[in-house]
Amino acid sequence: MVGVGKAPTSVHDMGQLVGVVEKQSDNPGFVRLELNRTLTGMGHEHFNSAAEATGVRPSAELARRLFATGRVAGVHIFSNIVTIDLAKGKSADGLAEVTRDLYQYWKPGMAPPAFEDLVPAEEPAATPAAAASDGGEAPVSAAASRVPAHLLERSRAALAKWKSTHGS
């Protein structure tokens, strides 16, 4: 695990590498990559361009990265098998490495973000006076003062409804 302000020191600090075995296809201009993990489950996905590779699915991200090399005319992914249609006159050099780095989060020379950059800004806590503006009871605990006002209001409304139907 990367500590705050600490640069990654090993592959384990940088994410998971994908195991890739490159196999030549019987069809010229195609290469097959066999991975140690599935990218699509039991579904087939085919991409003819980077524009077709939309979304955050691992298969779409890999297709975008492969197209970005300029060596790829098409990508078909089924489970853990990636079949690449090479662009005319291009080789498969480097495509296995692109796939291997799919889940690598930190690369040499990158600095991880500081903890402060990752923590969302806190919403102002509801004040007892503001929480009691509807005539309800003000929160009595420090924990209740940290609950967002809209959630306190929803809780008060639900309690009032319950009391009205149960005669309390």
Protein backbone atom coordinates (compact mmCIF):
# COMPACT_ATOMS: atom_id res chain seq x y z
CA MET A 1 0.00 0.00 0.00
CA VAL A 2 1.27 3.45 -0.84
CA GLY A 3 1.54 5.75 2.13
CA VAL A 4 0.76 9.45 2.03
CA GLY A 5 3.58 11.30 0.30
CA LYS A 6 5.47 8.05 -0.34
CA ALA A 7 6.43 7.16 -3.88
CA PRO A 8 5.61 3.63 -5.08
CA THR A 9 8.55 1.31 -4.58
CA SER A 10 7.47 -1.94 -6.20
CA VAL A 11 5.00 -3.47 -8.62
CA HIS A 12 2.74 -4.22 -5.63
CA ASP A 13 2.55 -0.50 -4.91
CA MET A 14 1.57 0.32 -8.46
CA GLY A 15 -1.47 -1.94 -9.03
CA GLN A 16 -2.03 -5.35 -10.50
CA LEU A 17 -0.31 -6.48 -13.64
CA VAL A 18 -2.35 -8.68 -15.97
CA GLY A 19 -0.79 -11.98 -16.95
CA VAL A 20 -0.64 -12.06 -20.77
CA VAL A 21 0.39 -14.86 -23.14
CA GLU A 22 0.68 -13.73 -26.76
CA LYS A 23 -0.24 -16.32 -29.39
CA GLN A 24 -0.02 -15.94 -33.15
CA SER A 25 -3.23 -16.59 -34.97
CA ASP A 26 -3.58 -18.90 -37.97
CA ASN A 27 -5.01 -15.86 -39.77
CA PRO A 28 -2.33 -13.38 -40.90
CA GLY A 29 -2.78 -9.90 -39.44
CA PHE A 30 -4.37 -11.15 -36.21
CA VAL A 31 -2.84 -11.81 -32.79
CA ARG A 32 -4.46 -13.43 -29.77
CA LEU A 33 -3.75 -12.50 -26.16
CA GLU A 34 -4.73 -14.91 -23.40
CA LEU A 35 -5.14 -13.20 -20.02
CA ASN A 36 -5.12 -14.51 -16.47
CA ARG A 37 -8.46 -12.80 -15.76
CA THR A 38 -11.73 -12.28 -17.54
CA LEU A 39 -12.65 -8.86 -18.91
CA THR A 40 -16.17 -9.54 -20.22
CA GLY A 41 -17.52 -12.45 -18.23
CA MET A 42 -19.33 -14.67 -20.75
CA GLY A 43 -20.10 -11.82 -23.19
CA HIS A 44 -18.48 -10.96 -26.51
CA GLU A 45 -17.44 -7.38 -27.19
CA HIS A 46 -16.19 -6.15 -30.56
CA PHE A 47 -14.74 -2.71 -31.27
CA ASN A 48 -13.98 -1.37 -34.75
CA SER A 49 -12.66 1.96 -33.47
CA ALA A 50 -11.79 3.81 -30.29
CA ALA A 51 -15.04 5.76 -30.67
CA GLU A 52 -16.99 2.51 -30.22
CA ALA A 53 -15.14 1.77 -26.95
CA THR A 54 -17.29 3.86 -24.64
CA GLY A 55 -17.86 3.46 -20.93
CA VAL A 56 -15.76 2.37 -17.99
CA ARG A 57 -15.79 -1.38 -18.57
CA PRO A 58 -12.30 -2.96 -18.55
CA SER A 59 -12.86 -4.23 -22.09
CA ALA A 60 -13.67 -0.72 -23.40
CA GLU A 61 -10.67 0.79 -21.60
CA LEU A 62 -8.36 -1.86 -23.02
CA ALA A 63 -9.76 -1.34 -26.54
CA ARG A 64 -9.18 2.44 -26.28
CA ARG A 65 -5.59 1.87 -25.16
CA LEU A 66 -4.94 -0.63 -27.94
CA PHE A 67 -6.38 1.70 -30.61
CA ALA A 68 -4.23 4.54 -29.21
CA THR A 69 -1.09 2.62 -30.26
CA GLY A 70 -1.98 3.10 -33.93
CA ARG A 71 -1.31 -0.60 -34.56
CA VAL A 72 -4.89 -1.87 -34.23
CA ALA A 73 -7.81 -1.99 -36.70
CA GLY A 74 -10.21 -3.98 -34.50
CA VAL A 75 -10.50 -5.65 -31.09
CA HIS A 76 -12.66 -8.61 -30.07
CA ILE A 77 -12.80 -9.64 -26.42
CA PHE A 78 -14.45 -12.76 -25.07
CA SER A 79 -13.89 -13.49 -21.40
CA ASN A 80 -10.09 -13.66 -21.08
CA ILE A 81 -9.25 -13.86 -24.80
CA VAL A 82 -8.39 -10.67 -26.71
CA THR A 83 -8.20 -11.06 -30.49
CA ILE A 84 -6.60 -8.10 -32.22
CA ASP A 85 -6.98 -7.28 -35.90
CA LEU A 86 -3.72 -5.50 -36.70
CA ALA A 87 -3.74 -2.39 -38.86
CA LYS A 88 -2.37 -3.04 -42.34
CA GLY A 89 1.42 -3.34 -42.23
CA LYS A 90 1.64 -3.10 -38.42
CA SER A 91 3.10 -5.59 -35.97
CA ALA A 92 1.86 -6.65 -32.54
CA ASP A 93 4.95 -5.18 -30.84
CA GLY A 94 3.98 -3.60 -27.51
CA LEU A 95 0.33 -4.68 -27.49
CA ALA A 96 0.89 -7.34 -24.82
CA GLU A 97 2.54 -4.68 -22.61
CA VAL A 98 -0.44 -2.33 -23.06
CA THR A 99 -2.68 -5.16 -21.89
CA ARG A 100 -0.35 -6.15 -19.05
CA ASP A 101 -0.51 -2.57 -17.67
CA LEU A 102 -4.32 -2.30 -17.80
CA TYR A 103 -4.66 -2.22 -14.00
CA GLN A 104 -1.34 -0.57 -13.19
CA TYR A 105 -2.28 2.57 -11.30
CA TRP A 106 1.11 4.17 -10.72
CA LYS A 107 3.87 4.27 -13.25
CA PRO A 108 7.47 5.33 -12.67
CA GLY A 109 7.73 9.11 -12.28
CA MET A 110 4.15 9.55 -11.11
CA ALA A 111 3.49 10.93 -7.63
CA PRO A 112 0.44 9.68 -5.74
CA PRO A 113 -2.09 12.35 -4.72
CA ALA A 114 -1.92 13.72 -1.19
CA PHE A 115 -4.54 12.53 1.28
CA GLU A 116 -6.06 16.03 1.36
CA ASP A 117 -6.71 15.83 -2.40
CA LEU A 118 -8.72 12.61 -2.00
CA VAL A 119 -10.93 13.58 0.95
CA PRO A 120 -14.13 15.37 -0.08
CA ALA A 121 -14.91 18.68 1.59
CA GLU A 122 -17.20 18.25 4.56
CA GLU A 123 -20.65 19.77 4.45
CA PRO A 124 -21.32 22.17 7.30
CA ALA A 125 -22.93 20.37 10.19
CA ALA A 126 -26.50 21.26 11.09
CA THR A 127 -26.67 23.63 14.02
CA PRO A 128 -29.14 22.85 16.78
CA ALA A 129 -30.95 26.16 16.14
CA ALA A 130 -31.30 25.44 12.41
CA ALA A 131 -32.38 21.87 13.06
CA ALA A 132 -35.07 23.03 15.47
CA SER A 133 -36.48 25.66 13.08
CA ASP A 134 -39.44 23.42 12.23
CA GLY A 135 -40.47 23.18 15.87
CA GLY A 136 -38.89 19.75 16.39
CA GLU A 137 -36.40 18.89 19.06
CA ALA A 138 -32.81 20.00 18.56
CA PRO A 139 -30.18 17.26 18.36
CA VAL A 140 -28.68 16.56 21.75
CA SER A 141 -25.57 14.66 20.78
CA ALA A 142 -22.39 15.71 19.01
CA ALA A 143 -23.00 12.89 16.50
CA ALA A 144 -26.44 14.26 15.58
CA SER A 145 -24.93 17.68 14.91
CA ARG A 146 -22.75 16.09 12.19
CA VAL A 147 -25.77 14.70 10.28
CA PRO A 148 -26.69 16.78 7.20
CA ALA A 149 -29.76 18.94 7.74
CA HIS A 150 -31.81 17.28 4.96
CA LEU A 151 -31.36 13.87 6.59
CA LEU A 152 -32.35 15.22 10.01
CA GLU A 153 -35.46 16.73 8.44
CA ARG A 154 -36.36 13.46 6.71
CA SER A 155 -35.91 11.59 9.98
CA ARG A 156 -38.07 14.07 11.89
CA ALA A 157 -40.82 13.85 9.25
CA ALA A 158 -40.79 10.05 9.40
CA LEU A 159 -40.94 10.12 13.22
CA ALA A 160 -43.84 12.59 13.16
CA LYS A 161 -45.72 10.40 10.68
CA TRP A 162 -45.12 7.30 12.78
CA LYS A 163 -46.30 9.08 15.94
CA SER A 164 -49.47 10.27 14.17
CA THR A 165 -50.37 6.74 13.03
CA HIS A 166 -49.44 5.00 16.28
CA GLY A 167 -51.00 7.52 18.67
CA SER A 168 -47.87 8.49 20.57
